[in-house]
Protein backbone atom coordinates (compact mmCIF):
# COMPACT_ATOMS: atom_id res chain seq x y z
CA MET A 1 119.65 67.59 42.21
CA LYS A 2 121.58 65.46 39.69
CA LYS A 3 124.92 66.42 41.27
CA GLU A 4 123.72 65.37 44.74
CA ILE A 5 122.43 62.03 43.48
CA GLY A 6 125.68 61.38 41.64
CA LYS A 7 127.76 62.25 44.66
CA GLU A 8 125.77 59.86 46.88
CA ILE A 9 126.17 57.02 44.42
CA SER A 10 129.87 57.71 43.93
CA ASN A 11 130.50 57.91 47.68
CA GLU A 12 128.65 54.67 48.39
CA ARG A 13 130.41 52.86 45.55
CA CYS A 14 133.79 53.99 46.93
CA ILE A 15 132.88 52.99 50.50
CA ARG A 16 131.93 49.55 49.22
CA ARG A 17 135.06 49.47 47.04
CA MET A 18 133.06 48.47 43.99
CA ALA A 19 134.36 49.19 40.50
CA LEU A 20 132.06 50.74 37.91
CA TYR A 21 132.02 47.52 35.88
CA ARG A 22 131.01 45.47 38.95
CA VAL A 23 128.11 47.75 39.86
CA GLY A 24 127.11 47.82 36.21
CA LYS A 25 127.20 44.05 35.90
CA ASN A 26 125.17 43.53 39.09
CA ALA A 27 122.66 46.24 38.12
CA ASP A 28 122.55 45.29 34.42
CA VAL A 29 123.52 48.88 33.55
CA GLN A 30 126.38 50.03 31.33
CA PRO A 31 129.32 51.48 33.33
CA CYS A 32 129.23 54.60 31.14
CA ILE A 33 125.72 55.33 32.46
CA ILE A 34 126.92 54.99 36.05
CA LYS A 35 129.78 57.34 35.25
CA ARG A 36 127.30 59.84 33.78
CA ILE A 37 125.08 59.64 36.86
CA GLU A 38 128.06 60.10 39.20
CA ALA A 39 129.15 63.15 37.19
CA GLY A 40 125.64 64.60 37.45
CA SER A 41 125.45 65.08 33.71
CA GLY A 42 123.47 63.78 30.78
CA ALA A 43 120.26 61.83 30.69
CA TYR A 44 119.54 58.48 32.26
CA SER A 45 116.44 56.51 33.11
CA ILE A 46 114.85 56.20 36.52
CA ASP A 47 114.95 52.45 35.94
CA SER A 48 118.76 52.54 35.69
CA LEU A 49 119.01 54.71 38.78
CA VAL A 50 116.79 52.34 40.80
CA LYS A 51 118.83 49.30 39.71
CA ILE A 52 122.09 50.97 40.73
CA CYS A 53 120.68 52.06 44.08
CA LYS A 54 119.46 48.53 44.73
CA VAL A 55 122.95 47.12 44.14
CA LEU A 56 124.45 49.74 46.46
CA ASP A 57 121.66 49.28 49.04
CA LEU A 58 120.63 52.93 48.78
CA GLU A 59 117.10 54.18 49.41
CA VAL A 60 115.23 55.72 46.48
CA ARG A 61 112.79 58.45 47.44
CA VAL A 62 110.42 60.50 45.33
CA MET A 63 110.58 64.18 46.13
CA ASP A 64 107.63 66.51 45.81
CA LYS A 65 108.81 69.79 44.27
CA ARG A 66 105.52 71.50 45.19
CA ARG A 67 106.68 71.98 48.78
């Protein structure tokens, strides 16, 4: 799941031609966290993920693993 999320964020950032530092500044998130999310590794907060998605105009959905 982390890899898919990271790929979506990376793709959208590239489409929008936004540098890590610009997304980070607009989302109030350190660029190293964005890099970690895009790589699909390490821990990060849902709050950071939501802020980044908001800047990139991406939808955030909660998935039910019980299905």
